[in-house]
Full PDB file with SEQRES, HELIX, SHEET, SSBOND, CRYST1, ORIGX, SCALE, CONECT and MASTER records, all heavy atoms in Angstrom:
SEQRES   1 A   41  TYR PHE ALA ARG LEU TYR ARG LYS VAL LYS TRP ILE GLY          
SEQRES   2 A   41  ALA THR LEU ALA GLY PHE ALA GLY ALA LEU VAL GLY LEU          
SEQRES   3 A   41  LEU ALA ALA SER ALA ASP THR SER GLU GLU ASP ASP ASN          
SEQRES   4 A   41  THR GLY                                                      
HELIX    1 AA1 PHE A    2  ALA A   29  1                                  28    
CRYST1    1.000    1.000    1.000  90.00  90.00  90.00 P 1           1          
ORIGX1      1.000000  0.000000  0.000000        0.00000                         
ORIGX2      0.000000  1.000000  0.000000        0.00000                         
ORIGX3      0.000000  0.000000  1.000000        0.00000                         
SCALE1      1.000000  0.000000  0.000000        0.00000                         
SCALE2      0.000000  1.000000  0.000000        0.00000                         
SCALE3      0.000000  0.000000  1.000000        0.00000                         
ATOM      1  N   TYR A   1      -9.488 -23.799 -23.754  1.00  0.00           N  
ATOM      2  CA  TYR A   1      -8.985 -23.601 -25.162  1.00  0.00           C  
ATOM      3  C   TYR A   1      -7.637 -24.331 -25.307  1.00  0.00           C  
ATOM      4  O   TYR A   1      -7.372 -25.010 -26.244  1.00  0.00           O  
ATOM      5  CB  TYR A   1      -8.864 -22.133 -25.460  1.00  0.00           C  
ATOM      6  CG  TYR A   1      -8.079 -21.835 -26.753  1.00  0.00           C  
ATOM      7  CD1 TYR A   1      -8.689 -21.991 -27.926  1.00  0.00           C  
ATOM      8  CD2 TYR A   1      -6.697 -21.400 -26.626  1.00  0.00           C  
ATOM      9  CE1 TYR A   1      -8.051 -21.800 -29.054  1.00  0.00           C  
ATOM     10  CE2 TYR A   1      -6.078 -21.159 -27.898  1.00  0.00           C  
ATOM     11  CZ  TYR A   1      -6.690 -21.400 -29.095  1.00  0.00           C  
ATOM     12  OH  TYR A   1      -6.085 -21.162 -30.229  1.00  0.00           O  
ATOM     13  N   PHE A   2      -6.660 -24.186 -24.341  1.00  0.00           N  
ATOM     14  CA  PHE A   2      -5.398 -24.695 -24.457  1.00  0.00           C  
ATOM     15  C   PHE A   2      -5.393 -26.175 -24.294  1.00  0.00           C  
ATOM     16  O   PHE A   2      -4.617 -26.857 -24.832  1.00  0.00           O  
ATOM     17  CB  PHE A   2      -4.412 -24.065 -23.441  1.00  0.00           C  
ATOM     18  CG  PHE A   2      -4.070 -22.584 -23.871  1.00  0.00           C  
ATOM     19  CD1 PHE A   2      -4.384 -21.609 -23.092  1.00  0.00           C  
ATOM     20  CD2 PHE A   2      -3.276 -22.457 -25.085  1.00  0.00           C  
ATOM     21  CE1 PHE A   2      -4.053 -20.293 -23.584  1.00  0.00           C  
ATOM     22  CE2 PHE A   2      -2.967 -21.192 -25.361  1.00  0.00           C  
ATOM     23  CZ  PHE A   2      -3.264 -20.101 -24.710  1.00  0.00           C  
ATOM     24  N   ALA A   3      -6.342 -26.733 -23.506  1.00  0.00           N  
ATOM     25  CA  ALA A   3      -6.571 -28.285 -23.415  1.00  0.00           C  
ATOM     26  C   ALA A   3      -6.912 -28.830 -24.703  1.00  0.00           C  
ATOM     27  O   ALA A   3      -6.483 -29.863 -25.179  1.00  0.00           O  
ATOM     28  CB  ALA A   3      -7.488 -28.564 -22.282  1.00  0.00           C  
ATOM     29  N   ARG A   4      -7.931 -28.142 -25.372  1.00  0.00           N  
ATOM     30  CA  ARG A   4      -8.333 -28.537 -26.647  1.00  0.00           C  
ATOM     31  C   ARG A   4      -7.303 -28.428 -27.700  1.00  0.00           C  
ATOM     32  O   ARG A   4      -7.055 -29.250 -28.472  1.00  0.00           O  
ATOM     33  CB  ARG A   4      -9.680 -27.820 -27.107  1.00  0.00           C  
ATOM     34  CG  ARG A   4     -10.228 -28.316 -28.373  1.00  0.00           C  
ATOM     35  CD  ARG A   4     -11.442 -27.528 -28.745  1.00  0.00           C  
ATOM     36  NE  ARG A   4     -12.442 -27.374 -27.750  1.00  0.00           N  
ATOM     37  CZ  ARG A   4     -13.168 -26.385 -27.496  1.00  0.00           C  
ATOM     38  NH1 ARG A   4     -12.999 -25.216 -28.107  1.00  0.00           N  
ATOM     39  NH2 ARG A   4     -14.047 -26.361 -26.482  1.00  0.00           N  
ATOM     40  N   LEU A   5      -6.534 -27.327 -27.547  1.00  0.00           N  
ATOM     41  CA  LEU A   5      -5.397 -27.113 -28.584  1.00  0.00           C  
ATOM     42  C   LEU A   5      -4.439 -28.190 -28.376  1.00  0.00           C  
ATOM     43  O   LEU A   5      -3.797 -28.719 -29.334  1.00  0.00           O  
ATOM     44  CB  LEU A   5      -4.864 -25.749 -28.399  1.00  0.00           C  
ATOM     45  CG  LEU A   5      -3.718 -25.301 -29.282  1.00  0.00           C  
ATOM     46  CD1 LEU A   5      -4.196 -25.182 -30.710  1.00  0.00           C  
ATOM     47  CD2 LEU A   5      -3.067 -23.977 -28.864  1.00  0.00           C  
ATOM     48  N   TYR A   6      -3.998 -28.656 -27.152  1.00  0.00           N  
ATOM     49  CA  TYR A   6      -3.036 -29.599 -26.825  1.00  0.00           C  
ATOM     50  C   TYR A   6      -3.498 -30.962 -27.460  1.00  0.00           C  
ATOM     51  O   TYR A   6      -2.654 -31.641 -28.037  1.00  0.00           O  
ATOM     52  CB  TYR A   6      -2.785 -29.685 -25.356  1.00  0.00           C  
ATOM     53  CG  TYR A   6      -1.970 -30.931 -24.888  1.00  0.00           C  
ATOM     54  CD1 TYR A   6      -0.647 -30.818 -25.182  1.00  0.00           C  
ATOM     55  CD2 TYR A   6      -2.377 -32.078 -24.370  1.00  0.00           C  
ATOM     56  CE1 TYR A   6       0.281 -31.804 -24.802  1.00  0.00           C  
ATOM     57  CE2 TYR A   6      -1.641 -33.117 -24.121  1.00  0.00           C  
ATOM     58  CZ  TYR A   6      -0.334 -33.114 -24.313  1.00  0.00           C  
ATOM     59  OH  TYR A   6       0.490 -34.132 -24.001  1.00  0.00           O  
ATOM     60  N   ARG A   7      -4.754 -31.301 -27.306  1.00  0.00           N  
ATOM     61  CA  ARG A   7      -5.207 -32.535 -27.894  1.00  0.00           C  
ATOM     62  C   ARG A   7      -5.082 -32.555 -29.427  1.00  0.00           C  
ATOM     63  O   ARG A   7      -4.725 -33.533 -30.026  1.00  0.00           O  
ATOM     64  CB  ARG A   7      -6.664 -32.880 -27.506  1.00  0.00           C  
ATOM     65  CG  ARG A   7      -6.845 -33.264 -26.038  1.00  0.00           C  
ATOM     66  CD  ARG A   7      -8.203 -33.751 -25.832  1.00  0.00           C  
ATOM     67  NE  ARG A   7      -9.241 -32.869 -26.271  1.00  0.00           N  
ATOM     68  CZ  ARG A   7      -9.864 -32.018 -25.366  1.00  0.00           C  
ATOM     69  NH1 ARG A   7      -9.413 -31.880 -24.057  1.00  0.00           N  
ATOM     70  NH2 ARG A   7     -10.793 -31.141 -25.749  1.00  0.00           N  
ATOM     71  N   LYS A   8      -5.385 -31.470 -30.120  1.00  0.00           N  
ATOM     72  CA  LYS A   8      -5.306 -31.262 -31.548  1.00  0.00           C  
ATOM     73  C   LYS A   8      -3.860 -31.327 -31.961  1.00  0.00           C  
ATOM     74  O   LYS A   8      -3.591 -32.030 -32.939  1.00  0.00           O  
ATOM     75  CB  LYS A   8      -6.008 -30.023 -32.008  1.00  0.00           C  
ATOM     76  CG  LYS A   8      -7.457 -30.131 -31.943  1.00  0.00           C  
ATOM     77  CD  LYS A   8      -8.157 -28.873 -32.535  1.00  0.00           C  
ATOM     78  CE  LYS A   8      -9.667 -28.983 -32.371  1.00  0.00           C  
ATOM     79  NZ  LYS A   8     -10.363 -27.847 -32.899  1.00  0.00           N  
ATOM     80  N   VAL A   9      -2.992 -30.648 -31.281  1.00  0.00           N  
ATOM     81  CA  VAL A   9      -1.545 -30.677 -31.611  1.00  0.00           C  
ATOM     82  C   VAL A   9      -0.898 -31.941 -31.468  1.00  0.00           C  
ATOM     83  O   VAL A   9      -0.153 -32.442 -32.369  1.00  0.00           O  
ATOM     84  CB  VAL A   9      -0.816 -29.508 -30.894  1.00  0.00           C  
ATOM     85  CG1 VAL A   9       0.700 -29.656 -31.030  1.00  0.00           C  
ATOM     86  CG2 VAL A   9      -1.273 -28.179 -31.285  1.00  0.00           C  
ATOM     87  N   LYS A  10      -1.357 -32.718 -30.468  1.00  0.00           N  
ATOM     88  CA  LYS A  10      -0.865 -34.090 -30.211  1.00  0.00           C  
ATOM     89  C   LYS A  10      -1.220 -35.041 -31.304  1.00  0.00           C  
ATOM     90  O   LYS A  10      -0.578 -35.752 -31.846  1.00  0.00           O  
ATOM     91  CB  LYS A  10      -1.313 -34.596 -28.905  1.00  0.00           C  
ATOM     92  CG  LYS A  10      -0.730 -35.845 -28.414  1.00  0.00           C  
ATOM     93  CD  LYS A  10      -0.966 -36.189 -27.007  1.00  0.00           C  
ATOM     94  CE  LYS A  10      -2.297 -36.731 -26.851  1.00  0.00           C  
ATOM     95  NZ  LYS A  10      -2.597 -37.335 -25.533  1.00  0.00           N  
ATOM     96  N   TRP A  11      -2.570 -34.872 -31.738  1.00  0.00           N  
ATOM     97  CA  TRP A  11      -3.069 -35.687 -32.840  1.00  0.00           C  
ATOM     98  C   TRP A  11      -2.401 -35.327 -34.217  1.00  0.00           C  
ATOM     99  O   TRP A  11      -1.987 -36.176 -34.931  1.00  0.00           O  
ATOM    100  CB  TRP A  11      -4.600 -35.499 -32.912  1.00  0.00           C  
ATOM    101  CG  TRP A  11      -5.274 -36.166 -34.041  1.00  0.00           C  
ATOM    102  CD1 TRP A  11      -5.513 -37.695 -34.059  1.00  0.00           C  
ATOM    103  CD2 TRP A  11      -5.557 -35.830 -35.291  1.00  0.00           C  
ATOM    104  NE1 TRP A  11      -6.126 -37.975 -35.218  1.00  0.00           N  
ATOM    105  CE2 TRP A  11      -6.062 -36.817 -36.050  1.00  0.00           C  
ATOM    106  CE3 TRP A  11      -5.389 -34.543 -35.967  1.00  0.00           C  
ATOM    107  CZ2 TRP A  11      -6.545 -36.850 -37.410  1.00  0.00           C  
ATOM    108  CZ3 TRP A  11      -5.903 -34.477 -37.248  1.00  0.00           C  
ATOM    109  CH2 TRP A  11      -6.471 -35.583 -37.943  1.00  0.00           C  
ATOM    110  N   ILE A  12      -2.173 -34.012 -34.398  1.00  0.00           N  
ATOM    111  CA  ILE A  12      -1.475 -33.604 -35.576  1.00  0.00           C  
ATOM    112  C   ILE A  12      -0.194 -34.092 -35.730  1.00  0.00           C  
ATOM    113  O   ILE A  12       0.390 -34.506 -36.644  1.00  0.00           O  
ATOM    114  CB  ILE A  12      -1.652 -32.066 -35.890  1.00  0.00           C  
ATOM    115  CG1 ILE A  12      -3.206 -31.802 -36.194  1.00  0.00           C  
ATOM    116  CG2 ILE A  12      -0.786 -31.644 -37.011  1.00  0.00           C  
ATOM    117  CD1 ILE A  12      -3.401 -30.257 -36.217  1.00  0.00           C  
ATOM    118  N   GLY A  13       0.560 -33.976 -34.546  1.00  0.00           N  
ATOM    119  CA  GLY A  13       2.059 -34.395 -34.501  1.00  0.00           C  
ATOM    120  C   GLY A  13       2.087 -35.898 -34.700  1.00  0.00           C  
ATOM    121  O   GLY A  13       3.066 -36.365 -35.355  1.00  0.00           O  
ATOM    122  N   ALA A  14       1.295 -36.656 -34.147  1.00  0.00           N  
ATOM    123  CA  ALA A  14       1.253 -38.126 -34.358  1.00  0.00           C  
ATOM    124  C   ALA A  14       1.056 -38.375 -35.863  1.00  0.00           C  
ATOM    125  O   ALA A  14       1.708 -39.300 -36.371  1.00  0.00           O  
ATOM    126  CB  ALA A  14       0.262 -38.806 -33.449  1.00  0.00           C  
ATOM    127  N   THR A  15       0.101 -37.758 -36.500  1.00  0.00           N  
ATOM    128  CA  THR A  15      -0.210 -37.986 -37.794  1.00  0.00           C  
ATOM    129  C   THR A  15       1.017 -37.639 -38.720  1.00  0.00           C  
ATOM    130  O   THR A  15       1.496 -38.438 -39.654  1.00  0.00           O  
ATOM    131  CB  THR A  15      -1.402 -37.199 -38.362  1.00  0.00           C  
ATOM    132  OG1 THR A  15      -2.472 -37.578 -37.462  1.00  0.00           O  
ATOM    133  CG2 THR A  15      -1.764 -37.458 -39.649  1.00  0.00           C  
ATOM    134  N   LEU A  16       1.681 -36.401 -38.405  1.00  0.00           N  
ATOM    135  CA  LEU A  16       2.830 -36.032 -39.263  1.00  0.00           C  
ATOM    136  C   LEU A  16       3.998 -36.976 -38.968  1.00  0.00           C  
ATOM    137  O   LEU A  16       4.667 -37.229 -39.936  1.00  0.00           O  
ATOM    138  CB  LEU A  16       3.181 -34.611 -38.783  1.00  0.00           C  
ATOM    139  CG  LEU A  16       2.094 -33.536 -39.309  1.00  0.00           C  
ATOM    140  CD1 LEU A  16       2.704 -32.158 -38.880  1.00  0.00           C  
ATOM    141  CD2 LEU A  16       2.095 -33.503 -40.942  1.00  0.00           C  
ATOM    142  N   ALA A  17       4.153 -37.436 -37.703  1.00  0.00           N  
ATOM    143  CA  ALA A  17       5.164 -38.380 -37.534  1.00  0.00           C  
ATOM    144  C   ALA A  17       5.016 -39.754 -38.330  1.00  0.00           C  
ATOM    145  O   ALA A  17       5.931 -40.327 -38.806  1.00  0.00           O  
ATOM    146  CB  ALA A  17       5.355 -38.700 -36.026  1.00  0.00           C  
ATOM    147  N   GLY A  18       3.724 -40.124 -38.428  1.00  0.00           N  
ATOM    148  CA  GLY A  18       3.470 -41.336 -39.143  1.00  0.00           C  
ATOM    149  C   GLY A  18       3.760 -41.166 -40.665  1.00  0.00           C  
ATOM    150  O   GLY A  18       4.283 -41.983 -41.290  1.00  0.00           O  
ATOM    151  N   PHE A  19       3.320 -39.958 -41.199  1.00  0.00           N  
ATOM    152  CA  PHE A  19       3.594 -39.657 -42.555  1.00  0.00           C  
ATOM    153  C   PHE A  19       5.096 -39.528 -42.876  1.00  0.00           C  
ATOM    154  O   PHE A  19       5.556 -40.106 -43.912  1.00  0.00           O  
ATOM    155  CB  PHE A  19       2.887 -38.420 -43.014  1.00  0.00           C  
ATOM    156  CG  PHE A  19       1.382 -38.629 -43.340  1.00  0.00           C  
ATOM    157  CD1 PHE A  19       0.464 -37.731 -42.744  1.00  0.00           C  
ATOM    158  CD2 PHE A  19       1.044 -39.577 -44.067  1.00  0.00           C  
ATOM    159  CE1 PHE A  19      -0.869 -37.913 -43.048  1.00  0.00           C  
ATOM    160  CE2 PHE A  19      -0.327 -39.776 -44.448  1.00  0.00           C  
ATOM    161  CZ  PHE A  19      -1.215 -38.936 -43.964  1.00  0.00           C  
ATOM    162  N   ALA A  20       5.782 -38.891 -41.923  1.00  0.00           N  
ATOM    163  CA  ALA A  20       7.204 -38.860 -42.084  1.00  0.00           C  
ATOM    164  C   ALA A  20       7.977 -40.160 -42.086  1.00  0.00           C  
ATOM    165  O   ALA A  20       8.776 -40.567 -42.948  1.00  0.00           O  
ATOM    166  CB  ALA A  20       7.790 -37.918 -41.076  1.00  0.00           C  
ATOM    167  N   GLY A  21       7.461 -40.981 -41.269  1.00  0.00           N  
ATOM    168  CA  GLY A  21       7.988 -42.528 -41.131  1.00  0.00           C  
ATOM    169  C   GLY A  21       7.688 -43.189 -42.529  1.00  0.00           C  
ATOM    170  O   GLY A  21       8.581 -43.967 -42.965  1.00  0.00           O  
ATOM    171  N   ALA A  22       6.528 -43.036 -42.953  1.00  0.00           N  
ATOM    172  CA  ALA A  22       6.135 -43.707 -44.199  1.00  0.00           C  
ATOM    173  C   ALA A  22       6.977 -43.157 -45.421  1.00  0.00           C  
ATOM    174  O   ALA A  22       7.501 -44.040 -46.282  1.00  0.00           O  
ATOM    175  CB  ALA A  22       4.632 -43.510 -44.490  1.00  0.00           C  
ATOM    176  N   LEU A  23       7.222 -41.888 -45.344  1.00  0.00           N  
ATOM    177  CA  LEU A  23       8.013 -41.311 -46.494  1.00  0.00           C  
ATOM    178  C   LEU A  23       9.456 -41.692 -46.453  1.00  0.00           C  
ATOM    179  O   LEU A  23      10.127 -42.078 -47.447  1.00  0.00           O  
ATOM    180  CB  LEU A  23       7.968 -39.720 -46.426  1.00  0.00           C  
ATOM    181  CG  LEU A  23       8.775 -38.957 -47.426  1.00  0.00           C  
ATOM    182  CD1 LEU A  23       8.183 -39.258 -48.738  1.00  0.00           C  
ATOM    183  CD2 LEU A  23       8.644 -37.500 -47.167  1.00  0.00           C  
ATOM    184  N   VAL A  24      10.022 -41.838 -45.250  1.00  0.00           N  
ATOM    185  CA  VAL A  24      11.380 -42.334 -45.019  1.00  0.00           C  
ATOM    186  C   VAL A  24      11.484 -43.701 -45.439  1.00  0.00           C  
ATOM    187  O   VAL A  24      12.454 -44.156 -46.180  1.00  0.00           O  
ATOM    188  CB  VAL A  24      11.874 -42.087 -43.609  1.00  0.00           C  
ATOM    189  CG1 VAL A  24      13.181 -42.839 -43.409  1.00  0.00           C  
ATOM    190  CG2 VAL A  24      12.128 -40.618 -43.398  1.00  0.00           C  
ATOM    191  N   GLY A  25      10.461 -44.565 -45.175  1.00  0.00           N  
ATOM    192  CA  GLY A  25      10.534 -45.921 -45.592  1.00  0.00           C  
ATOM    193  C   GLY A  25      10.450 -45.958 -47.166  1.00  0.00           C  
ATOM    194  O   GLY A  25      11.104 -46.908 -47.787  1.00  0.00           O  
ATOM    195  N   LEU A  26       9.583 -45.226 -47.679  1.00  0.00           N  
ATOM    196  CA  LEU A  26       9.480 -45.299 -49.206  1.00  0.00           C  
ATOM    197  C   LEU A  26      10.757 -44.891 -49.881  1.00  0.00           C  
ATOM    198  O   LEU A  26      11.241 -45.468 -50.818  1.00  0.00           O  
ATOM    199  CB  LEU A  26       8.300 -44.434 -49.699  1.00  0.00           C  
ATOM    200  CG  LEU A  26       6.963 -44.934 -49.519  1.00  0.00           C  
ATOM    201  CD1 LEU A  26       5.886 -43.858 -49.982  1.00  0.00           C  
ATOM    202  CD2 LEU A  26       6.747 -46.173 -50.253  1.00  0.00           C  
ATOM    203  N   LEU A  27      11.342 -43.801 -49.360  1.00  0.00           N  
ATOM    204  CA  LEU A  27      12.699 -43.330 -49.825  1.00  0.00           C  
ATOM    205  C   LEU A  27      13.762 -44.354 -49.715  1.00  0.00           C  
ATOM    206  O   LEU A  27      14.625 -44.510 -50.659  1.00  0.00           O  
ATOM    207  CB  LEU A  27      13.022 -41.991 -49.283  1.00  0.00           C  
ATOM    208  CG  LEU A  27      12.152 -40.824 -49.693  1.00  0.00           C  
ATOM    209  CD1 LEU A  27      12.565 -39.581 -48.967  1.00  0.00           C  
ATOM    210  CD2 LEU A  27      12.296 -40.638 -51.225  1.00  0.00           C  
ATOM    211  N   ALA A  28      13.876 -45.002 -48.601  1.00  0.00           N  
ATOM    212  CA  ALA A  28      14.855 -46.070 -48.290  1.00  0.00           C  
ATOM    213  C   ALA A  28      14.575 -47.227 -49.170  1.00  0.00           C  
ATOM    214  O   ALA A  28      15.631 -47.880 -49.646  1.00  0.00           O  
ATOM    215  CB  ALA A  28      14.771 -46.380 -46.826  1.00  0.00           C  
ATOM    216  N   ALA A  29      13.362 -47.604 -49.374  1.00  0.00           N  
ATOM    217  CA  ALA A  29      13.103 -48.788 -50.244  1.00  0.00           C  
ATOM    218  C   ALA A  29      13.351 -48.486 -51.741  1.00  0.00           C  
ATOM    219  O   ALA A  29      13.776 -49.387 -52.449  1.00  0.00           O  
ATOM    220  CB  ALA A  29      11.643 -49.197 -50.103  1.00  0.00           C  
ATOM    221  N   SER A  30      13.310 -47.331 -52.131  1.00  0.00           N  
ATOM    222  CA  SER A  30      13.492 -46.961 -53.546  1.00  0.00           C  
ATOM    223  C   SER A  30      14.952 -46.539 -53.834  1.00  0.00           C  
ATOM    224  O   SER A  30      15.314 -46.160 -54.988  1.00  0.00           O  
ATOM    225  CB  SER A  30      12.608 -45.797 -54.070  1.00  0.00           C  
ATOM    226  OG  SER A  30      12.883 -44.609 -53.429  1.00  0.00           O  
ATOM    227  N   ALA A  31      15.852 -46.575 -52.765  1.00  0.00           N  
ATOM    228  CA  ALA A  31      17.202 -46.137 -52.966  1.00  0.00           C  
ATOM    229  C   ALA A  31      17.956 -47.205 -53.918  1.00  0.00           C  
ATOM    230  O   ALA A  31      17.780 -48.440 -53.634  1.00  0.00           O  
ATOM    231  CB  ALA A  31      17.842 -45.993 -51.635  1.00  0.00           C  
ATOM    232  N   ASP A  32      18.767 -46.658 -54.728  1.00  0.00           N  
ATOM    233  CA  ASP A  32      19.580 -47.564 -55.591  1.00  0.00           C  
ATOM    234  C   ASP A  32      20.917 -47.894 -54.898  1.00  0.00           C  
ATOM    235  O   ASP A  32      21.743 -47.076 -54.733  1.00  0.00           O  
ATOM    236  CB  ASP A  32      19.890 -46.852 -56.902  1.00  0.00           C  
ATOM    237  CG  ASP A  32      20.592 -47.794 -57.926  1.00  0.00           C  
ATOM    238  OD1 ASP A  32      20.524 -49.042 -57.699  1.00  0.00           O  
ATOM    239  OD2 ASP A  32      21.263 -47.250 -58.846  1.00  0.00           O  
ATOM    240  N   THR A  33      20.997 -49.205 -54.451  1.00  0.00           N  
ATOM    241  CA  THR A  33      22.185 -49.555 -53.756  1.00  0.00           C  
ATOM    242  C   THR A  33      23.145 -50.443 -54.613  1.00  0.00           C  
ATOM    243  O   THR A  33      24.067 -50.957 -54.049  1.00  0.00           O  
ATOM    244  CB  THR A  33      21.840 -50.379 -52.503  1.00  0.00           C  
ATOM    245  OG1 THR A  33      21.044 -51.524 -52.893  1.00  0.00           O  
ATOM    246  CG2 THR A  33      21.026 -49.532 -51.553  1.00  0.00           C  
ATOM    247  N   SER A  34      22.915 -50.470 -55.891  1.00  0.00           N  
ATOM    248  CA  SER A  34      23.734 -51.324 -56.731  1.00  0.00           C  
ATOM    249  C   SER A  34      25.036 -50.580 -57.006  1.00  0.00           C  
ATOM    250  O   SER A  34      25.139 -49.403 -56.992  1.00  0.00           O  
ATOM    251  CB  SER A  34      22.999 -51.656 -58.164  1.00  0.00           C  
ATOM    252  OG  SER A  34      22.999 -50.367 -58.781  1.00  0.00           O  
ATOM    253  N   GLU A  35      26.113 -51.403 -57.035  1.00  0.00           N  
ATOM    254  CA  GLU A  35      27.491 -50.860 -57.326  1.00  0.00           C  
ATOM    255  C   GLU A  35      27.874 -50.981 -58.788  1.00  0.00           C  
ATOM    256  O   GLU A  35      28.996 -50.711 -59.147  1.00  0.00           O  
ATOM    257  CB  GLU A  35      28.315 -51.683 -56.465  1.00  0.00           C  
ATOM    258  CG  GLU A  35      28.227 -51.512 -54.981  1.00  0.00           C  
ATOM    259  CD  GLU A  35      29.210 -52.355 -54.173  1.00  0.00           C  
ATOM    260  OE1 GLU A  35      30.240 -52.768 -54.764  1.00  0.00           O  
ATOM    261  OE2 GLU A  35      28.960 -52.627 -53.099  1.00  0.00           O  
ATOM    262  N   GLU A  36      26.818 -51.122 -59.569  1.00  0.00           N  
ATOM    263  CA  GLU A  36      27.119 -51.360 -61.032  1.00  0.00           C  
ATOM    264  C   GLU A  36      27.675 -50.097 -61.692  1.00  0.00           C  
ATOM    265  O   GLU A  36      28.613 -50.163 -62.485  1.00  0.00           O  
ATOM    266  CB  GLU A  36      25.818 -51.780 -61.700  1.00  0.00           C  
ATOM    267  CG  GLU A  36      25.985 -52.199 -63.204  1.00  0.00           C  
ATOM    268  CD  GLU A  36      24.760 -52.744 -63.754  1.00  0.00           C  
ATOM    269  OE1 GLU A  36      24.152 -53.649 -63.121  1.00  0.00           O  
ATOM    270  OE2 GLU A  36      24.361 -52.228 -64.899  1.00  0.00           O  
ATOM    271  N   ASP A  37      27.131 -48.918 -61.397  1.00  0.00           N  
ATOM    272  CA  ASP A  37      27.592 -47.696 -62.069  1.00  0.00           C  
ATOM    273  C   ASP A  37      28.320 -46.759 -61.167  1.00  0.00           C  
ATOM    274  O   ASP A  37      28.240 -45.513 -61.127  1.00  0.00           O  
ATOM    275  CB  ASP A  37      26.229 -46.947 -62.593  1.00  0.00           C  
ATOM    276  CG  ASP A  37      25.519 -47.746 -63.643  1.00  0.00           C  
ATOM    277  OD1 ASP A  37      26.171 -48.405 -64.428  1.00  0.00           O  
ATOM    278  OD2 ASP A  37      24.272 -47.661 -63.543  1.00  0.00           O  
ATOM    279  N   ASP A  38      29.196 -47.394 -60.204  1.00  0.00           N  
ATOM    280  CA  ASP A  38      29.974 -46.527 -59.357  1.00  0.00           C  
ATOM    281  C   ASP A  38      30.980 -45.737 -60.111  1.00  0.00           C  
ATOM    282  O   ASP A  38      31.469 -44.760 -59.687  1.00  0.00           O  
ATOM    283  CB  ASP A  38      30.702 -47.429 -58.259  1.00  0.00           C  
ATOM    284  CG  ASP A  38      29.737 -47.750 -57.136  1.00  0.00           C  
ATOM    285  OD1 ASP A  38      28.649 -47.207 -57.045  1.00  0.00           O  
ATOM    286  OD2 ASP A  38      30.118 -48.601 -56.336  1.00  0.00           O  
ATOM    287  N   ASN A  39      31.476 -46.142 -61.274  1.00  0.00           N  
ATOM    288  CA  ASN A  39      32.577 -45.507 -61.953  1.00  0.00           C  
ATOM    289  C   ASN A  39      32.154 -44.611 -62.991  1.00  0.00           C  
ATOM    290  O   ASN A  39      32.909 -44.160 -63.808  1.00  0.00           O  
ATOM    291  CB  ASN A  39      33.559 -46.529 -62.523  1.00  0.00           C  
ATOM    292  CG  ASN A  39      34.142 -47.509 -61.398  1.00  0.00           C  
ATOM    293  OD1 ASN A  39      34.292 -47.049 -60.345  1.00  0.00           O  
ATOM    294  ND2 ASN A  39      34.492 -48.617 -61.862  1.00  0.00           N  
ATOM    295  N   THR A  40      30.843 -44.160 -62.954  1.00  0.00           N  
ATOM    296  CA  THR A  40      30.447 -43.363 -64.043  1.00  0.00           C  
ATOM    297  C   THR A  40      30.992 -41.908 -64.081  1.00  0.00           C  
ATOM    298  O   THR A  40      31.280 -41.398 -65.220  1.00  0.00           O  
ATOM    299  CB  THR A  40      28.845 -43.188 -63.959  1.00  0.00           C  
ATOM    300  OG1 THR A  40      28.545 -42.695 -62.776  1.00  0.00           O  
ATOM    301  CG2 THR A  40      28.172 -44.513 -64.183  1.00  0.00           C  
ATOM    302  N   GLY A  41      31.207 -41.292 -62.999  1.00  0.00           N  
ATOM    303  CA  GLY A  41      31.670 -39.880 -62.965  1.00  0.00           C  
ATOM    304  C   GLY A  41      32.868 -39.592 -62.166  1.00  0.00           C  
ATOM    305  O   GLY A  41      33.194 -38.494 -61.977  1.00  0.00           O  
TER     306      GLY A  41                                                      
MASTER        0    0    0    1    0    0    0    6  305    1    0    4          
END                                                                             
Protein backbone atom coordinates (compact mmCIF):
# COMPACT_ATOMS: atom_id res chain seq x y z
CA TYR A 1 0.00 0.00 0.00
CA PHE A 2 2.69 2.50 0.97
CA ALA A 3 4.77 1.66 -2.12
CA ARG A 4 1.75 2.34 -4.33
CA LEU A 5 0.99 5.50 -2.35
CA TYR A 6 4.58 6.71 -2.77
CA ARG A 7 4.37 6.27 -6.57
CA LYS A 8 1.07 8.19 -6.71
CA VAL A 9 2.28 10.99 -4.45
CA LYS A 10 5.46 11.32 -6.51
CA TRP A 11 3.42 11.57 -9.74
CA ILE A 12 0.97 14.06 -8.23
CA GLY A 13 3.85 16.15 -6.84
CA ALA A 14 5.59 16.28 -10.21
CA THR A 15 2.34 17.29 -11.90
CA LEU A 16 1.64 20.02 -9.34
CA ALA A 17 5.20 21.32 -9.66
CA GLY A 18 4.75 21.53 -13.43
CA PHE A 19 1.48 23.42 -13.07
CA ALA A 20 3.02 25.76 -10.51
CA GLY A 21 5.95 26.46 -12.84
CA ALA A 22 3.59 27.18 -15.73
CA LEU A 23 1.51 29.49 -13.54
CA VAL A 24 4.58 31.41 -12.38
CA GLY A 25 5.69 31.71 -16.01
CA LEU A 26 2.30 33.07 -17.06
CA LEU A 27 2.21 35.54 -14.20
CA ALA A 28 5.74 36.72 -14.93
CA ALA A 29 4.96 37.12 -18.63
CA SER A 30 1.85 39.16 -17.95
CA ALA A 31 3.50 41.47 -15.39
CA ASP A 32 3.43 45.14 -16.32
CA THR A 33 7.00 46.39 -16.18
CA SER A 34 6.46 49.73 -17.88
CA GLU A 35 7.50 52.83 -15.98
CA GLU A 36 4.90 54.98 -17.69
CA ASP A 37 2.46 55.23 -14.80
CA ASP A 38 4.89 55.23 -11.87
CA ASN A 39 3.71 58.61 -10.59
CA THR A 40 0.01 57.83 -10.46
CA GLY A 41 -0.52 57.49 -6.73
